[in-house]
Amino acid sequence: MTGPHHAHPHSHRFESSRWRLTLAFATQGIFFIVELVGGILTNSLALLADAGHMLSDVGALGLSLLALYFTLKPPTAKKTFGYHRLEILAALVNGLALWAMAVYIFYEGYQRFLQPPEIRIVPIIIIALLGLLVNLFGVVVLYPARAHGLNLRSAFLHLVADSLGSIAVIGAGVAIFFKGWYWLDPVAGAAIAVLIIIGSWQLVFEATDILLESTPKDIDLEEVEKALYEHPGVRHIHDLHIWTIASGLHALSVHVAVDDELNRDCITLELEKLLYHRFGIEHTTVQLEGPTYQNPRICPWHPGPL
């Protein structure tokens, strides 16, 4: 059974977020090429690291757009919940891609720290400044949509981390220009890698929690159980499970023992309304059971509850 409300927020989220993601995707894609070419020509690891991070932004935004489209596809006989979990998978892939990139930056930075190469400073600073403007533009564009799901928040965090990375490149470039500290280039690259890991750590674990069908962080299982027991017709509760299908979309299943003489349809509807209005859970499966669960001797041929 499902709750009293079936309209899913992803439809209006799609309309409000699609153009923001598309605009950010286009600007990041164009400037990634600029930064990559600039990093190669200037031989700057910090700039190449920032370009790599921007590439991950392009991939993240592309995955986010793809997931956003797929979440509107209707359920099928084989995918009864539709494609909502693609949002979570996209967020997990984004986070793991950032971790892999950070490992590579650490490795390359270590090599360059031992033997700092000559780099062209002025083009680095100019390109990093332009990159910062592009990233800040993307941050502003995605800021209103960041709360529309884990997938969109992952894309937003990508751009925030990349903005900090651009600032690190600019700072290193200025210091090298005035002091000749070429070792700052790999250090700046490593700083970007640290920012990448910090920014994506919670994202990866949240996505993993959802895929493991953990109880949502914003819902207290004991509070839900207590609320169900407050209903006068409820005698016993067991097999209570609450999990997340996609960001903001929770599901619940529970077995509830009630007296036989009670109107089961009324109890089911009342419990569904309670779960929706108090906890925001709109996809519920409430299986009602008679007093057999509490007293298996009523059915002597049955050994008791399963």
C-alpha atoms as a PDB file:
ATOM      1  CA  MET A   1       0.000   0.000   0.000  1.00  0.00           C
ATOM      2  CA  THR A   2       1.158   3.498  -0.562  1.00  0.00           C
ATOM      3  CA  GLY A   3       0.542   6.634   1.363  1.00  0.00           C
ATOM      4  CA  PRO A   4      -2.210   9.151   0.653  1.00  0.00           C
ATOM      5  CA  HIS A   5      -0.041  11.291  -1.576  1.00  0.00           C
ATOM      6  CA  HIS A   6       1.460   9.899  -4.761  1.00  0.00           C
ATOM      7  CA  ALA A   7       2.816  12.991  -6.534  1.00  0.00           C
ATOM      8  CA  HIS A   8       6.566  12.811  -6.413  1.00  0.00           C
ATOM      9  CA  PRO A   9       8.677  15.979  -6.010  1.00  0.00           C
ATOM     10  CA  HIS A  10      11.119  14.898  -8.737  1.00  0.00           C
ATOM     11  CA  SER A  11       8.822  16.247 -11.488  1.00  0.00           C
ATOM     12  CA  HIS A  12       8.977  19.857 -10.345  1.00  0.00           C
ATOM     13  CA  ARG A  13      12.601  19.445  -9.293  1.00  0.00           C
ATOM     14  CA  PHE A  14      13.344  18.442 -12.858  1.00  0.00           C
ATOM     15  CA  GLU A  15      11.745  21.594 -14.240  1.00  0.00           C
ATOM     16  CA  SER A  16      13.493  23.876 -11.742  1.00  0.00           C
ATOM     17  CA  SER A  17      16.920  22.228 -12.028  1.00  0.00           C
ATOM     18  CA  ARG A  18      17.294  21.138 -15.659  1.00  0.00           C
ATOM     19  CA  TRP A  19      18.339  24.467 -17.126  1.00  0.00           C
ATOM     20  CA  ARG A  20      20.693  25.178 -14.217  1.00  0.00           C
ATOM     21  CA  LEU A  21      22.507  21.888 -14.730  1.00  0.00           C
ATOM     22  CA  THR A  22      22.596  22.377 -18.497  1.00  0.00           C
ATOM     23  CA  LEU A  23      24.074  25.871 -18.199  1.00  0.00           C
ATOM     24  CA  ALA A  24      26.686  24.768 -15.672  1.00  0.00           C
ATOM     25  CA  PHE A  25      27.543  21.712 -17.802  1.00  0.00           C
ATOM     26  CA  ALA A  26      28.095  23.825 -20.925  1.00  0.00           C
ATOM     27  CA  THR A  27      30.324  26.431 -19.236  1.00  0.00           C
ATOM     28  CA  GLN A  28      32.384  23.819 -17.378  1.00  0.00           C
ATOM     29  CA  GLY A  29      32.852  21.751 -20.545  1.00  0.00           C
ATOM     30  CA  ILE A  30      34.125  24.705 -22.550  1.00  0.00           C
ATOM     31  CA  PHE A  31      36.519  25.917 -19.898  1.00  0.00           C
ATOM     32  CA  PHE A  32      37.858  22.441 -19.163  1.00  0.00           C
ATOM     33  CA  ILE A  33      39.403  22.468 -22.656  1.00  0.00           C
ATOM     34  CA  VAL A  34      40.898  25.906 -22.020  1.00  0.00           C
ATOM     35  CA  GLU A  35      42.381  24.872 -18.664  1.00  0.00           C
ATOM     36  CA  LEU A  36      43.704  21.544 -19.963  1.00  0.00           C
ATOM     37  CA  VAL A  37      45.524  23.186 -22.859  1.00  0.00           C
ATOM     38  CA  GLY A  38      46.808  25.895 -20.515  1.00  0.00           C
ATOM     39  CA  GLY A  39      48.086  23.328 -18.014  1.00  0.00           C
ATOM     40  CA  ILE A  40      49.964  21.436 -20.729  1.00  0.00           C
ATOM     41  CA  LEU A  41      51.511  24.577 -22.228  1.00  0.00           C
ATOM     42  CA  THR A  42      52.562  26.004 -18.848  1.00  0.00           C
ATOM     43  CA  ASN A  43      53.662  22.625 -17.371  1.00  0.00           C
ATOM     44  CA  SER A  44      51.734  23.356 -14.156  1.00  0.00           C
ATOM     45  CA  LEU A  45      50.549  20.418 -12.044  1.00  0.00           C
ATOM     46  CA  ALA A  46      48.263  22.711 -10.055  1.00  0.00           C
ATOM     47  CA  LEU A  47      46.569  23.884 -13.245  1.00  0.00           C
ATOM     48  CA  LEU A  48      46.393  20.339 -14.640  1.00  0.00           C
ATOM     49  CA  ALA A  49      44.935  19.169 -11.314  1.00  0.00           C
ATOM     50  CA  ASP A  50      42.353  21.908 -11.496  1.00  0.00           C
ATOM     51  CA  ALA A  51      41.613  20.933 -15.110  1.00  0.00           C
ATOM     52  CA  GLY A  52      41.211  17.311 -14.013  1.00  0.00           C
ATOM     53  CA  HIS A  53      38.862  18.408 -11.269  1.00  0.00           C
ATOM     54  CA  MET A  54      36.935  20.443 -13.825  1.00  0.00           C
ATOM     55  CA  LEU A  55      36.719  17.338 -16.012  1.00  0.00           C
ATOM     56  CA  SER A  56      35.179  15.533 -13.070  1.00  0.00           C
ATOM     57  CA  ASP A  57      32.756  18.469 -12.810  1.00  0.00           C
ATOM     58  CA  VAL A  58      31.786  17.953 -16.444  1.00  0.00           C
ATOM     59  CA  GLY A  59      31.283  14.240 -15.837  1.00  0.00           C
ATOM     60  CA  ALA A  60      29.393  14.902 -12.602  1.00  0.00           C
ATOM     61  CA  LEU A  61      27.088  17.424 -14.218  1.00  0.00           C
ATOM     62  CA  GLY A  62      26.565  15.119 -17.190  1.00  0.00           C
ATOM     63  CA  LEU A  63      25.686  12.214 -14.893  1.00  0.00           C
ATOM     64  CA  SER A  64      23.416  14.499 -12.890  1.00  0.00           C
ATOM     65  CA  LEU A  65      21.574  15.563 -16.019  1.00  0.00           C
ATOM     66  CA  LEU A  66      21.257  11.967 -17.160  1.00  0.00           C
ATOM     67  CA  ALA A  67      19.985  10.845 -13.763  1.00  0.00           C
ATOM     68  CA  LEU A  68      17.567  13.775 -13.658  1.00  0.00           C
ATOM     69  CA  TYR A  69      16.003  12.720 -16.945  1.00  0.00           C
ATOM     70  CA  PHE A  70      15.829   9.054 -15.996  1.00  0.00           C
ATOM     71  CA  THR A  71      14.136   9.694 -12.641  1.00  0.00           C
ATOM     72  CA  LEU A  72      11.071  10.918 -14.573  1.00  0.00           C
ATOM     73  CA  LYS A  73      10.752   7.667 -16.495  1.00  0.00           C
ATOM     74  CA  PRO A  74       7.706   5.713 -15.333  1.00  0.00           C
ATOM     75  CA  PRO A  75       8.063   2.476 -13.371  1.00  0.00           C
ATOM     76  CA  THR A  76       8.105  -0.796 -15.285  1.00  0.00           C
ATOM     77  CA  ALA A  77       7.340  -4.405 -14.429  1.00  0.00           C
ATOM     78  CA  LYS A  78      11.045  -4.999 -13.751  1.00  0.00           C
ATOM     79  CA  LYS A  79      11.805  -1.585 -12.179  1.00  0.00           C
ATOM     80  CA  THR A  80       8.795  -1.001  -9.965  1.00  0.00           C
ATOM     81  CA  PHE A  81      10.339   2.063  -8.324  1.00  0.00           C
ATOM     82  CA  GLY A  82      11.358   3.508 -11.684  1.00  0.00           C
ATOM     83  CA  TYR A  83      14.856   4.928 -12.043  1.00  0.00           C
ATOM     84  CA  HIS A  84      15.062   7.007  -8.864  1.00  0.00           C
ATOM     85  CA  ARG A  85      18.145   5.130  -7.629  1.00  0.00           C
ATOM     86  CA  LEU A  86      20.130   6.403 -10.655  1.00  0.00           C
ATOM     87  CA  GLU A  87      20.414   9.672  -8.734  1.00  0.00           C
ATOM     88  CA  ILE A  88      22.192   7.882  -5.900  1.00  0.00           C
ATOM     89  CA  LEU A  89      24.398   5.846  -8.230  1.00  0.00           C
ATOM     90  CA  ALA A  90      25.422   9.016 -10.070  1.00  0.00           C
ATOM     91  CA  ALA A  91      26.340  10.689  -6.777  1.00  0.00           C
ATOM     92  CA  LEU A  92      28.388   7.645  -5.703  1.00  0.00           C
ATOM     93  CA  VAL A  93      30.235   7.474  -9.041  1.00  0.00           C
ATOM     94  CA  ASN A  94      30.976  11.201  -8.810  1.00  0.00           C
ATOM     95  CA  GLY A  95      32.428  10.851  -5.334  1.00  0.00           C
ATOM     96  CA  LEU A  96      34.568   7.819  -6.159  1.00  0.00           C
ATOM     97  CA  ALA A  97      35.865   9.523  -9.319  1.00  0.00           C
ATOM     98  CA  LEU A  98      36.968  12.461  -7.175  1.00  0.00           C
ATOM     99  CA  TRP A  99      38.825  10.124  -4.818  1.00  0.00           C
ATOM    100  CA  ALA A 100      40.643   8.441  -7.702  1.00  0.00           C
ATOM    101  CA  MET A 101      41.642  11.829  -9.079  1.00  0.00           C
ATOM    102  CA  ALA A 102      42.928  12.940  -5.676  1.00  0.00           C
ATOM    103  CA  VAL A 103      45.151   9.841  -5.441  1.00  0.00           C
ATOM    104  CA  TYR A 104      46.680  10.597  -8.849  1.00  0.00           C
ATOM    105  CA  ILE A 105      47.311  14.246  -7.910  1.00  0.00           C
ATOM    106  CA  PHE A 106      49.079  13.156  -4.707  1.00  0.00           C
ATOM    107  CA  TYR A 107      51.287  10.783  -6.675  1.00  0.00           C
ATOM    108  CA  GLU A 108      52.212  13.312  -9.351  1.00  0.00           C
ATOM    109  CA  GLY A 109      52.697  16.042  -6.752  1.00  0.00           C
ATOM    110  CA  TYR A 110      55.178  13.882  -4.827  1.00  0.00           C
ATOM    111  CA  GLN A 111      57.233  13.354  -7.977  1.00  0.00           C
ATOM    112  CA  ARG A 112      57.279  17.054  -8.775  1.00  0.00           C
ATOM    113  CA  PHE A 113      58.013  18.095  -5.210  1.00  0.00           C
ATOM    114  CA  LEU A 114      61.278  16.156  -5.367  1.00  0.00           C
ATOM    115  CA  GLN A 115      62.208  17.818  -8.691  1.00  0.00           C
ATOM    116  CA  PRO A 116      60.169  20.992  -9.237  1.00  0.00           C
ATOM    117  CA  PRO A 117      59.943  21.739 -12.978  1.00  0.00           C
ATOM    118  CA  GLU A 118      60.068  25.174 -14.626  1.00  0.00           C
ATOM    119  CA  ILE A 119      56.584  26.571 -15.222  1.00  0.00           C
ATOM    120  CA  ARG A 120      55.176  29.680 -16.944  1.00  0.00           C
ATOM    121  CA  ILE A 121      53.581  31.732 -14.204  1.00  0.00           C
ATOM    122  CA  VAL A 122      51.639  34.586 -15.846  1.00  0.00           C
ATOM    123  CA  PRO A 123      49.476  32.347 -18.094  1.00  0.00           C
ATOM    124  CA  ILE A 124      48.768  30.130 -15.069  1.00  0.00           C
ATOM    125  CA  ILE A 125      47.437  33.046 -13.042  1.00  0.00           C
ATOM    126  CA  ILE A 126      45.323  34.357 -15.922  1.00  0.00           C
ATOM    127  CA  ILE A 127      43.795  30.949 -16.697  1.00  0.00           C
ATOM    128  CA  ALA A 128      43.195  30.220 -12.999  1.00  0.00           C
ATOM    129  CA  LEU A 129      41.423  33.583 -12.600  1.00  0.00           C
ATOM    130  CA  LEU A 130      39.171  32.806 -15.546  1.00  0.00           C
ATOM    131  CA  GLY A 131      38.564  29.328 -14.147  1.00  0.00           C
ATOM    132  CA  LEU A 132      37.573  30.804 -10.784  1.00  0.00           C
ATOM    133  CA  LEU A 133      35.025  33.057 -12.490  1.00  0.00           C
ATOM    134  CA  VAL A 134      33.573  30.115 -14.417  1.00  0.00           C
ATOM    135  CA  ASN A 135      33.357  27.984 -11.268  1.00  0.00           C
ATOM    136  CA  LEU A 136      31.750  30.772  -9.251  1.00  0.00           C
ATOM    137  CA  PHE A 137      29.233  31.228 -12.054  1.00  0.00           C
ATOM    138  CA  GLY A 138      28.366  27.529 -11.805  1.00  0.00           C
ATOM    139  CA  VAL A 139      28.117  27.739  -8.000  1.00  0.00           C
ATOM    140  CA  VAL A 140      25.656  30.642  -8.251  1.00  0.00           C
ATOM    141  CA  VAL A 141      23.616  28.831 -10.907  1.00  0.00           C
ATOM    142  CA  LEU A 142      23.346  25.566  -8.928  1.00  0.00           C
ATOM    143  CA  TYR A 143      22.989  27.110  -5.459  1.00  0.00           C
ATOM    144  CA  PRO A 144      19.146  27.197  -5.486  1.00  0.00           C
ATOM    145  CA  ALA A 145      18.989  23.558  -6.681  1.00  0.00           C
ATOM    146  CA  ARG A 146      21.511  22.096  -4.222  1.00  0.00           C
ATOM    147  CA  ALA A 147      18.775  20.942  -1.825  1.00  0.00           C
ATOM    148  CA  HIS A 148      16.834  19.063  -4.518  1.00  0.00           C
ATOM    149  CA  GLY A 149      18.623  15.779  -3.944  1.00  0.00           C
ATOM    150  CA  LEU A 150      21.933  14.066  -3.298  1.00  0.00           C
ATOM    151  CA  ASN A 151      22.718  14.019  -7.004  1.00  0.00           C
ATOM    152  CA  LEU A 152      22.340  17.793  -7.403  1.00  0.00           C
ATOM    153  CA  ARG A 153      24.216  18.433  -4.170  1.00  0.00           C
ATOM    154  CA  SER A 154      27.108  16.332  -5.466  1.00  0.00           C
ATOM    155  CA  ALA A 155      27.282  18.486  -8.609  1.00  0.00           C
ATOM    156  CA  PHE A 156      27.170  21.645  -6.482  1.00  0.00           C
ATOM    157  CA  LEU A 157      29.966  20.367  -4.211  1.00  0.00           C
ATOM    158  CA  HIS A 158      32.089  19.620  -7.261  1.00  0.00           C
ATOM    159  CA  LEU A 159      31.919  23.272  -8.288  1.00  0.00           C
ATOM    160  CA  VAL A 160      32.563  24.569  -4.770  1.00  0.00           C
ATOM    161  CA  ALA A 161      35.673  22.385  -4.446  1.00  0.00           C
ATOM    162  CA  ASP A 162      36.839  23.432  -7.897  1.00  0.00           C
ATOM    163  CA  SER A 163      36.439  27.109  -6.944  1.00  0.00           C
ATOM    164  CA  LEU A 164      38.677  26.535  -3.925  1.00  0.00           C
ATOM    165  CA  GLY A 165      41.109  24.731  -6.207  1.00  0.00           C
ATOM    166  CA  SER A 166      41.273  27.738  -8.527  1.00  0.00           C
ATOM    167  CA  ILE A 167      42.012  29.955  -5.536  1.00  0.00           C
ATOM    168  CA  ALA A 168      44.864  27.614  -4.535  1.00  0.00           C
ATOM    169  CA  VAL A 169      46.302  27.780  -8.067  1.00  0.00           C
ATOM    170  CA  ILE A 170      46.124  31.580  -8.088  1.00  0.00           C
ATOM    171  CA  GLY A 171      47.802  31.817  -4.685  1.00  0.00           C
ATOM    172  CA  ALA A 172      50.589  29.464  -5.719  1.00  0.00           C
ATOM    173  CA  GLY A 173      51.067  31.331  -8.993  1.00  0.00           C
ATOM    174  CA  VAL A 174      51.404  34.682  -7.253  1.00  0.00           C
ATOM    175  CA  ALA A 175      53.897  33.263  -4.714  1.00  0.00           C
ATOM    176  CA  ILE A 176      55.983  31.651  -7.476  1.00  0.00           C
ATOM    177  CA  PHE A 177      55.919  34.865  -9.516  1.00  0.00           C
ATOM    178  CA  PHE A 178      57.278  36.981  -6.656  1.00  0.00           C
ATOM    179  CA  LYS A 179      59.395  34.442  -4.750  1.00  0.00           C
ATOM    180  CA  GLY A 180      60.314  31.788  -7.301  1.00  0.00           C
ATOM    181  CA  TRP A 181      59.011  29.008  -5.065  1.00  0.00           C
ATOM    182  CA  TYR A 182      58.322  26.426  -7.765  1.00  0.00           C
ATOM    183  CA  TRP A 183      57.723  23.739  -5.152  1.00  0.00           C
ATOM    184  CA  LEU A 184      54.444  25.523  -4.376  1.00  0.00           C
ATOM    185  CA  ASP A 185      52.958  24.206  -7.630  1.00  0.00           C
ATOM    186  CA  PRO A 186      52.830  20.534  -6.492  1.00  0.00           C
ATOM    187  CA  VAL A 187      51.870  21.687  -2.993  1.00  0.00           C
ATOM    188  CA  ALA A 188      48.905  23.571  -4.463  1.00  0.00           C
ATOM    189  CA  GLY A 189      47.998  20.454  -6.427  1.00  0.00           C
ATOM    190  CA  ALA A 190      48.052  18.386  -3.213  1.00  0.00           C
ATOM    191  CA  ALA A 191      45.935  21.027  -1.452  1.00  0.00           C
ATOM    192  CA  ILE A 192      43.349  20.687  -4.219  1.00  0.00           C
ATOM    193  CA  ALA A 193      43.387  16.913  -3.732  1.00  0.00           C
ATOM    194  CA  VAL A 194      42.731  17.349   0.008  1.00  0.00           C
ATOM    195  CA  LEU A 195      39.817  19.671  -0.760  1.00  0.00           C
ATOM    196  CA  ILE A 196      38.458  17.098  -3.190  1.00  0.00           C
ATOM    197  CA  ILE A 197      38.500  14.348  -0.555  1.00  0.00           C
ATOM    198  CA  ILE A 198      36.993  16.531   2.179  1.00  0.00           C
ATOM    199  CA  GLY A 199      34.249  17.772  -0.139  1.00  0.00           C
ATOM    200  CA  SER A 200      33.246  14.324  -1.335  1.00  0.00           C
ATOM    201  CA  TRP A 201      33.672  12.268   1.849  1.00  0.00           C
ATOM    202  CA  GLN A 202      30.167  12.761   3.230  1.00  0.00           C
ATOM    203  CA  LEU A 203      28.686  12.467  -0.245  1.00  0.00           C
ATOM    204  CA  VAL A 204      30.122   8.973  -0.788  1.00  0.00           C
ATOM    205  CA  PHE A 205      29.010   7.713   2.602  1.00  0.00           C
ATOM    206  CA  GLU A 206      25.506   9.146   2.252  1.00  0.00           C
ATOM    207  CA  ALA A 207      25.114   7.462  -1.132  1.00  0.00           C
ATOM    208  CA  THR A 208      26.454   4.205   0.325  1.00  0.00           C
ATOM    209  CA  ASP A 209      24.042   4.428   3.249  1.00  0.00           C
ATOM    210  CA  ILE A 210      21.107   4.806   0.874  1.00  0.00           C
ATOM    211  CA  LEU A 211      22.238   1.866  -1.259  1.00  0.00           C
ATOM    212  CA  LEU A 212      22.544  -0.221   1.930  1.00  0.00           C
ATOM    213  CA  GLU A 213      18.945   0.809   2.742  1.00  0.00           C
ATOM    214  CA  SER A 214      19.898   2.276   6.106  1.00  0.00           C
ATOM    215  CA  THR A 215      17.315   4.129   8.164  1.00  0.00           C
ATOM    216  CA  PRO A 216      17.260   7.775   6.953  1.00  0.00           C
ATOM    217  CA  LYS A 217      19.237  10.150   9.155  1.00  0.00           C
ATOM    218  CA  ASP A 218      16.278  12.485   9.601  1.00  0.00           C
ATOM    219  CA  ILE A 219      13.941   9.747  10.865  1.00  0.00           C
ATOM    220  CA  ASP A 220      14.117   8.117  14.303  1.00  0.00           C
ATOM    221  CA  LEU A 221      13.002   4.473  14.070  1.00  0.00           C
ATOM    222  CA  GLU A 222      12.009   4.377  17.738  1.00  0.00           C
ATOM    223  CA  GLU A 223       9.898   7.535  17.340  1.00  0.00           C
ATOM    224  CA  VAL A 224       8.054   5.973  14.407  1.00  0.00           C
ATOM    225  CA  GLU A 225       7.403   2.794  16.386  1.00  0.00           C
ATOM    226  CA  LYS A 226       6.174   4.806  19.365  1.00  0.00           C
ATOM    227  CA  ALA A 227       3.827   6.819  17.139  1.00  0.00           C
ATOM    228  CA  LEU A 228       2.352   3.635  15.664  1.00  0.00           C
ATOM    229  CA  TYR A 229       1.740   2.200  19.140  1.00  0.00           C
ATOM    230  CA  GLU A 230      -0.196   5.348  20.057  1.00  0.00           C
ATOM    231  CA  HIS A 231      -2.996   4.245  17.738  1.00  0.00           C
ATOM    232  CA  PRO A 232      -5.699   2.606  19.931  1.00  0.00           C
ATOM    233  CA  GLY A 233      -6.185  -0.291  17.511  1.00  0.00           C
ATOM    234  CA  VAL A 234      -2.525  -1.368  17.405  1.00  0.00           C
ATOM    235  CA  ARG A 235      -1.654  -4.354  19.584  1.00  0.00           C
ATOM    236  CA  HIS A 236       1.780  -5.280  18.384  1.00  0.00           C
ATOM    237  CA  ILE A 237       4.368  -4.162  15.783  1.00  0.00           C
ATOM    238  CA  HIS A 238       7.172  -6.144  14.199  1.00  0.00           C
ATOM    239  CA  ASP A 239       9.390  -6.129  11.105  1.00  0.00           C
ATOM    240  CA  LEU A 240       9.463  -2.339  10.937  1.00  0.00           C
ATOM    241  CA  HIS A 241      11.802  -1.146   8.161  1.00  0.00           C
ATOM    242  CA  ILE A 242      12.422   2.366   6.871  1.00  0.00           C
ATOM    243  CA  TRP A 243      14.729   3.125   3.970  1.00  0.00           C
ATOM    244  CA  THR A 244      15.440   5.717   1.293  1.00  0.00           C
ATOM    245  CA  ILE A 245      14.658   5.152  -2.372  1.00  0.00           C
ATOM    246  CA  ALA A 246      16.124   8.483  -3.516  1.00  0.00           C
ATOM    247  CA  SER A 247      16.797  11.838  -1.886  1.00  0.00           C
ATOM    248  CA  GLY A 248      13.708  12.932   0.020  1.00  0.00           C
ATOM    249  CA  LEU A 249      11.761   9.787  -0.980  1.00  0.00           C
ATOM    250  CA  HIS A 250      11.423   7.407   1.958  1.00  0.00           C
ATOM    251  CA  ALA A 251       9.652   4.051   2.147  1.00  0.00           C
ATOM    252  CA  LEU A 252       8.379   2.003   5.076  1.00  0.00           C
ATOM    253  CA  SER A 253       7.092  -1.511   5.629  1.00  0.00           C
ATOM    254  CA  VAL A 254       5.666  -2.853   8.882  1.00  0.00           C
ATOM    255  CA  HIS A 255       3.542  -5.716  10.254  1.00  0.00           C
ATOM    256  CA  VAL A 256       0.837  -4.553  12.678  1.00  0.00           C
ATOM    257  CA  ALA A 257      -1.268  -6.877  14.832  1.00  0.00           C
ATOM    258  CA  VAL A 258      -4.843  -5.632  15.505  1.00  0.00           C
ATOM    259  CA  ASP A 259      -8.047  -7.098  16.893  1.00  0.00           C
ATOM    260  CA  ASP A 260     -10.218  -8.934  14.381  1.00  0.00           C
ATOM    261  CA  GLU A 261     -13.317  -6.886  15.098  1.00  0.00           C
ATOM    262  CA  LEU A 262     -11.694  -3.619  14.035  1.00  0.00           C
ATOM    263  CA  ASN A 263     -12.147  -2.076  10.594  1.00  0.00           C
ATOM    264  CA  ARG A 264      -8.825  -2.846   8.927  1.00  0.00           C
ATOM    265  CA  ASP A 265      -9.285  -0.409   6.053  1.00  0.00           C
ATOM    266  CA  CYS A 266      -9.771   2.445   8.504  1.00  0.00           C
ATOM    267  CA  ILE A 267      -6.726   1.465  10.570  1.00  0.00           C
ATOM    268  CA  THR A 268      -4.561   1.185   7.457  1.00  0.00           C
ATOM    269  CA  LEU A 269      -5.627   4.611   6.205  1.00  0.00           C
ATOM    270  CA  GLU A 270      -5.114   6.207   9.618  1.00  0.00           C
ATOM    271  CA  LEU A 271      -1.631   4.728   9.982  1.00  0.00           C
ATOM    272  CA  GLU A 272      -0.665   5.840   6.463  1.00  0.00           C
ATOM    273  CA  LYS A 273      -1.835   9.395   7.211  1.00  0.00           C
ATOM    274  CA  LEU A 274       0.055   9.391  10.501  1.00  0.00           C
ATOM    275  CA  LEU A 275       3.277   8.258   8.819  1.00  0.00           C
ATOM    276  CA  TYR A 276       2.948  10.830   6.044  1.00  0.00           C
ATOM    277  CA  HIS A 277       2.037  13.875   8.133  1.00  0.00           C
ATOM    278  CA  ARG A 278       4.372  13.258  11.078  1.00  0.00           C
ATOM    279  CA  PHE A 279       7.381  11.771   9.301  1.00  0.00           C
ATOM    280  CA  GLY A 280       6.947  12.619   5.605  1.00  0.00           C
ATOM    281  CA  ILE A 281       6.919   8.945   4.584  1.00  0.00           C
ATOM    282  CA  GLU A 282       4.655   8.619   1.550  1.00  0.00           C
ATOM    283  CA  HIS A 283       5.482   5.098   0.334  1.00  0.00           C
ATOM    284  CA  THR A 284       4.207   2.753   3.042  1.00  0.00           C
ATOM    285  CA  THR A 285       3.340  -0.921   3.202  1.00  0.00           C
ATOM    286  CA  VAL A 286       1.269  -1.716   6.284  1.00  0.00           C
ATOM    287  CA  GLN A 287       0.435  -5.407   6.670  1.00  0.00           C
ATOM    288  CA  LEU A 288      -2.287  -5.943   9.246  1.00  0.00           C
ATOM    289  CA  GLU A 289      -2.495  -9.191  11.209  1.00  0.00           C
ATOM    290  CA  GLY A 290      -5.112 -10.604  13.521  1.00  0.00           C
ATOM    291  CA  PRO A 291      -4.605 -11.675  17.138  1.00  0.00           C
ATOM    292  CA  THR A 292      -3.107 -14.935  15.857  1.00  0.00           C
ATOM    293  CA  TYR A 293       0.279 -13.224  15.980  1.00  0.00           C
ATOM    294  CA  GLN A 294      -0.093 -12.587  19.701  1.00  0.00           C
ATOM    295  CA  ASN A 295      -1.808 -15.872  20.541  1.00  0.00           C
ATOM    296  CA  PRO A 296      -0.916 -18.648  18.075  1.00  0.00           C
ATOM    297  CA  ARG A 297      -3.136 -21.115  20.008  1.00  0.00           C
ATOM    298  CA  ILE A 298      -6.111 -19.580  18.152  1.00  0.00           C
ATOM    299  CA  CYS A 299      -4.851 -21.479  15.090  1.00  0.00           C
ATOM    300  CA  PRO A 300      -3.664 -24.788  16.599  1.00  0.00           C
ATOM    301  CA  TRP A 301      -2.485 -26.135  13.248  1.00  0.00           C
ATOM    302  CA  HIS A 302      -0.099 -23.194  12.861  1.00  0.00           C
ATOM    303  CA  PRO A 303       3.090 -23.303  14.946  1.00  0.00           C
ATOM    304  CA  GLY A 304       3.046 -19.564  15.501  1.00  0.00           C
ATOM    305  CA  PRO A 305       4.163 -16.407  13.766  1.00  0.00           C
ATOM    306  CA  LEU A 306       6.662 -16.727  10.935  1.00  0.00           C
END
